[in-house]
Amino acid sequence: MSDAQSPFWEAGGRYRPAAHPVVEIFARQRIRHLAAHGLLRDVRRVLDVGAGSGFSSAFYPAGIKVVACDYAGGMLAANPVKGRIRAEATALPFERGAFDLVTCWELLHHLDEPRAALAEMWRVARRRIVVFEPNRIHPGHLILALTRAEERGTLRFSPGHLRRLMQAACGRLDRHERCGLFFPNVTPLALARLMDRLPYRMPLVGISQLAAAEKE
């Protein structure tokens, strides 16, 4: 994470809490998609890197234990899961293969060394890693990137950039798609409920990129 952004994150950012109904709809939609495509298969233990205030940690199915990891104590304090640890994404304090699944949601574009973070995630993953990042070509993300300093890194995250990062850090990329339609922190509840009924995978217009790599 950039040192210049640290005060912003320690103060908790400017995000809706995990308990907000739009955030919950957004997170559950993602989790359903992961489950439907086998990305939660044989997963009992998850490390959520850059977990922040918890929208990426709180909604996994019963039977999956989530450990939330974030460098910003101000964000992590609001995370509702019991297992929380403060650590840098580039220096995870876990043994090789300690987690079935290692994931990060909208983290990499905030980091100075996203490749190093991915390499660490790959090291501590036993089965796979799953990454969500903004889709740079989406107009909403472009506006956020141009108007908010903490989102400026989105401008780097073209689909090709994310593919290259995954290949460089993990040596492979097994899934890459664009998906989702609404923003968890600004979309009104009625609109989020409507969009939750639409197909989740949205080539080109999806707000997010999903990338996943599987271990042999």
Protein backbone atom coordinates (compact mmCIF):
# COMPACT_ATOMS: atom_id res chain seq x y z
CA MET A 1 0.00 0.00 0.00
CA SER A 2 1.21 3.50 -0.76
CA ASP A 3 2.35 5.38 2.34
CA ALA A 4 0.39 8.40 1.12
CA GLN A 5 -2.85 6.39 1.33
CA SER A 6 -2.24 4.94 4.80
CA PRO A 7 -4.09 7.70 6.74
CA PHE A 8 -7.14 7.24 4.50
CA TRP A 9 -7.32 3.51 5.20
CA GLU A 10 -6.51 3.80 8.90
CA ALA A 11 -9.46 6.19 9.17
CA GLY A 12 -11.71 3.50 7.68
CA GLY A 13 -12.01 4.79 4.13
CA ARG A 14 -15.38 6.02 2.85
CA TYR A 15 -17.27 2.79 2.46
CA ARG A 16 -20.59 1.32 3.54
CA PRO A 17 -20.24 -1.27 6.34
CA ALA A 18 -20.48 -4.99 5.61
CA ALA A 19 -23.95 -5.06 7.19
CA HIS A 20 -25.37 -2.58 4.68
CA PRO A 21 -28.03 -4.36 2.57
CA VAL A 22 -26.51 -3.29 -0.77
CA VAL A 23 -23.07 -4.50 0.32
CA GLU A 24 -24.56 -7.83 1.40
CA ILE A 25 -26.39 -8.27 -1.93
CA PHE A 26 -23.16 -7.46 -3.79
CA ALA A 27 -21.05 -9.88 -1.75
CA ARG A 28 -23.57 -12.74 -1.81
CA GLN A 29 -23.89 -12.38 -5.58
CA ARG A 30 -20.13 -12.85 -5.92
CA ILE A 31 -20.06 -15.80 -3.54
CA ARG A 32 -22.89 -17.51 -5.45
CA HIS A 33 -20.96 -17.06 -8.69
CA LEU A 34 -17.79 -18.53 -7.18
CA ALA A 35 -19.73 -21.52 -5.84
CA ALA A 36 -21.55 -22.09 -9.13
CA HIS A 37 -18.25 -22.30 -11.01
CA GLY A 38 -16.47 -24.61 -8.61
CA LEU A 39 -14.19 -22.01 -7.07
CA LEU A 40 -15.36 -22.93 -3.55
CA ARG A 41 -15.01 -26.67 -4.20
CA ASP A 42 -13.26 -28.46 -1.31
CA VAL A 43 -12.70 -25.16 0.46
CA ARG A 44 -12.83 -25.16 4.24
CA ARG A 45 -10.36 -22.42 5.06
CA VAL A 46 -10.09 -19.03 3.32
CA LEU A 47 -7.58 -16.22 3.69
CA ASP A 48 -9.09 -12.88 2.68
CA VAL A 49 -6.19 -10.53 1.92
CA GLY A 50 -6.93 -6.82 2.06
CA ALA A 51 -10.12 -7.75 3.89
CA GLY A 52 -10.85 -4.23 5.09
CA SER A 53 -14.17 -3.76 6.86
CA GLY A 54 -15.44 -7.17 5.85
CA PHE A 55 -17.70 -7.22 2.80
CA SER A 56 -15.30 -9.76 1.27
CA SER A 57 -15.12 -11.85 4.46
CA ALA A 58 -18.56 -12.10 5.99
CA PHE A 59 -20.79 -13.98 3.57
CA TYR A 60 -19.15 -17.32 2.81
CA PRO A 61 -21.26 -20.46 3.40
CA ALA A 62 -21.38 -22.06 6.82
CA GLY A 63 -18.54 -24.53 7.16
CA ILE A 64 -15.95 -22.22 5.59
CA LYS A 65 -13.66 -20.51 8.08
CA VAL A 66 -12.40 -17.10 6.97
CA VAL A 67 -9.29 -15.36 8.25
CA ALA A 68 -9.35 -11.63 7.48
CA CYS A 69 -5.98 -10.01 6.79
CA ASP A 70 -5.33 -6.31 6.29
CA TYR A 71 -2.51 -3.86 6.94
CA ALA A 72 -4.86 -1.04 7.96
CA GLY A 73 -5.98 -1.54 11.54
CA GLY A 74 -8.68 1.08 11.14
CA MET A 75 -10.36 -0.95 8.40
CA LEU A 76 -9.77 -4.33 10.02
CA ALA A 77 -11.36 -3.23 13.30
CA ALA A 78 -14.74 -3.03 11.55
CA ASN A 79 -14.47 -6.52 10.00
CA PRO A 80 -17.14 -8.76 11.57
CA VAL A 81 -15.29 -12.11 11.28
CA LYS A 82 -13.59 -13.48 14.40
CA GLY A 83 -10.29 -14.45 12.79
CA ARG A 84 -8.42 -11.23 12.00
CA ILE A 85 -4.72 -10.54 11.54
CA ARG A 86 -2.87 -7.37 10.66
CA ALA A 87 -0.19 -7.96 8.02
CA GLU A 88 1.20 -6.71 4.73
CA ALA A 89 -0.10 -8.46 1.61
CA THR A 90 3.51 -8.86 0.46
CA ALA A 91 4.61 -10.61 3.67
CA LEU A 92 1.85 -12.96 4.81
CA PRO A 93 2.69 -14.63 8.16
CA PHE A 94 1.52 -18.12 7.17
CA GLU A 95 3.11 -21.36 6.04
CA ARG A 96 3.07 -22.55 2.45
CA GLY A 97 -0.32 -24.05 1.54
CA ALA A 98 -1.98 -22.96 4.80
CA PHE A 99 -5.33 -22.09 3.17
CA ASP A 100 -7.52 -23.91 0.66
CA LEU A 101 -8.42 -20.61 -0.99
CA VAL A 102 -6.68 -17.24 -0.85
CA THR A 103 -8.59 -14.29 -2.20
CA CYS A 104 -8.49 -10.52 -2.49
CA TRP A 105 -11.28 -8.21 -3.56
CA GLU A 106 -10.31 -4.85 -5.08
CA LEU A 107 -6.91 -4.79 -3.38
CA LEU A 108 -4.20 -5.01 -6.03
CA HIS A 109 -4.79 -1.63 -7.65
CA HIS A 110 -4.06 0.00 -4.27
CA LEU A 111 -0.64 -1.65 -3.92
CA ASP A 112 2.82 -0.53 -5.01
CA GLU A 113 3.82 -4.19 -5.55
CA PRO A 114 0.76 -6.14 -6.73
CA ARG A 115 2.87 -8.91 -8.28
CA ALA A 116 4.62 -9.54 -4.96
CA ALA A 117 1.25 -9.70 -3.20
CA LEU A 118 -0.05 -12.24 -5.72
CA ALA A 119 3.09 -14.33 -5.30
CA GLU A 120 2.53 -14.41 -1.54
CA MET A 121 -1.10 -15.37 -2.00
CA TRP A 122 -0.04 -18.18 -4.33
CA ARG A 123 2.52 -19.39 -1.78
CA VAL A 124 0.05 -19.76 1.09
CA ALA A 125 -2.75 -21.22 -1.10
CA ARG A 126 -3.24 -24.98 -1.17
CA ARG A 127 -5.85 -25.17 -3.95
CA ARG A 128 -6.40 -21.81 -5.68
CA ILE A 129 -6.42 -18.04 -5.55
CA VAL A 130 -9.30 -15.80 -6.63
CA VAL A 131 -8.90 -12.11 -7.37
CA PHE A 132 -11.44 -9.39 -8.10
CA GLU A 133 -10.24 -6.08 -9.54
CA PRO A 134 -11.99 -3.12 -11.19
CA ASN A 135 -12.62 -3.25 -14.91
CA ARG A 136 -10.79 -0.15 -16.13
CA ILE A 137 -12.95 0.34 -19.20
CA HIS A 138 -16.17 0.65 -17.17
CA PRO A 139 -17.21 4.36 -17.15
CA GLY A 140 -18.01 4.31 -13.43
CA HIS A 141 -14.56 3.06 -12.51
CA LEU A 142 -12.97 5.56 -14.85
CA ILE A 143 -14.79 8.40 -13.07
CA LEU A 144 -13.76 7.08 -9.64
CA ALA A 145 -10.15 6.75 -10.76
CA LEU A 146 -10.04 10.32 -12.05
CA THR A 147 -11.79 11.90 -9.06
CA ARG A 148 -10.47 9.92 -6.07
CA ALA A 149 -6.77 9.69 -5.34
CA GLU A 150 -7.15 6.34 -3.56
CA GLU A 151 -8.67 4.83 -6.72
CA ARG A 152 -6.10 6.19 -9.18
CA GLY A 153 -4.45 2.77 -9.51
CA THR A 154 -7.54 1.53 -11.36
CA LEU A 155 -6.18 3.26 -14.47
CA ARG A 156 -3.49 0.55 -14.71
CA PHE A 157 -5.89 -2.37 -14.43
CA SER A 158 -6.84 -3.22 -17.95
CA PRO A 159 -7.76 -6.88 -18.54
CA GLY A 160 -4.36 -7.43 -20.13
CA HIS A 161 -2.56 -5.97 -17.12
CA LEU A 162 -4.33 -8.30 -14.70
CA ARG A 163 -3.68 -11.31 -16.92
CA ARG A 164 0.03 -10.49 -17.07
CA LEU A 165 0.24 -10.04 -13.30
CA MET A 166 -1.42 -13.42 -12.68
CA GLN A 167 0.82 -15.21 -15.16
CA ALA A 168 3.94 -13.59 -13.74
CA ALA A 169 3.11 -14.34 -10.09
CA CYS A 170 1.41 -17.75 -10.41
CA GLY A 171 2.67 -19.11 -13.71
CA ARG A 172 -0.90 -19.66 -14.89
CA LEU A 173 -4.38 -18.18 -15.24
CA ASP A 174 -7.32 -20.57 -15.32
CA ARG A 175 -10.23 -18.15 -15.35
CA HIS A 176 -10.61 -14.51 -16.35
CA GLU A 177 -13.92 -12.78 -16.94
CA ARG A 178 -15.75 -9.51 -16.44
CA CYS A 179 -18.79 -9.54 -14.21
CA GLY A 180 -21.20 -7.61 -12.01
CA LEU A 181 -23.24 -4.49 -12.68
CA PHE A 182 -23.59 -2.36 -9.56
CA PHE A 183 -21.31 -0.63 -7.07
CA PRO A 184 -21.65 -1.70 -3.42
CA ASN A 185 -20.91 1.73 -1.96
CA VAL A 186 -23.08 4.01 -4.08
CA THR A 187 -25.88 2.01 -5.76
CA PRO A 188 -29.37 2.55 -4.23
CA LEU A 189 -30.94 -0.51 -2.62
CA ALA A 190 -33.89 -0.79 -5.04
CA LEU A 191 -31.54 -0.72 -8.04
CA ALA A 192 -29.21 -3.27 -6.45
CA ARG A 193 -32.13 -5.65 -5.90
CA LEU A 194 -33.13 -5.28 -9.54
CA MET A 195 -29.61 -5.82 -10.85
CA ASP A 196 -29.17 -8.85 -8.61
CA ARG A 197 -31.70 -10.63 -10.86
CA LEU A 198 -29.68 -10.02 -14.02
CA PRO A 199 -26.92 -12.34 -15.30
CA TYR A 200 -23.75 -11.88 -13.28
CA ARG A 201 -21.23 -12.49 -16.03
CA MET A 202 -21.16 -9.37 -18.20
CA PRO A 203 -18.49 -9.31 -20.93
CA LEU A 204 -17.11 -5.81 -21.59
CA VAL A 205 -19.61 -3.92 -19.40
CA GLY A 206 -19.00 -5.75 -16.12
CA ILE A 207 -17.69 -3.49 -13.36
CA SER A 208 -15.23 -6.12 -12.12
CA GLN A 209 -12.61 -8.53 -13.37
CA LEU A 210 -12.51 -12.02 -11.86
CA ALA A 211 -9.24 -13.91 -12.17
CA ALA A 212 -8.48 -17.34 -10.72
CA ALA A 213 -5.52 -19.71 -10.75
CA GLU A 214 -5.61 -23.37 -9.71
CA LYS A 215 -2.78 -25.43 -8.25
CA GLU A 216 -2.04 -28.80 -9.86
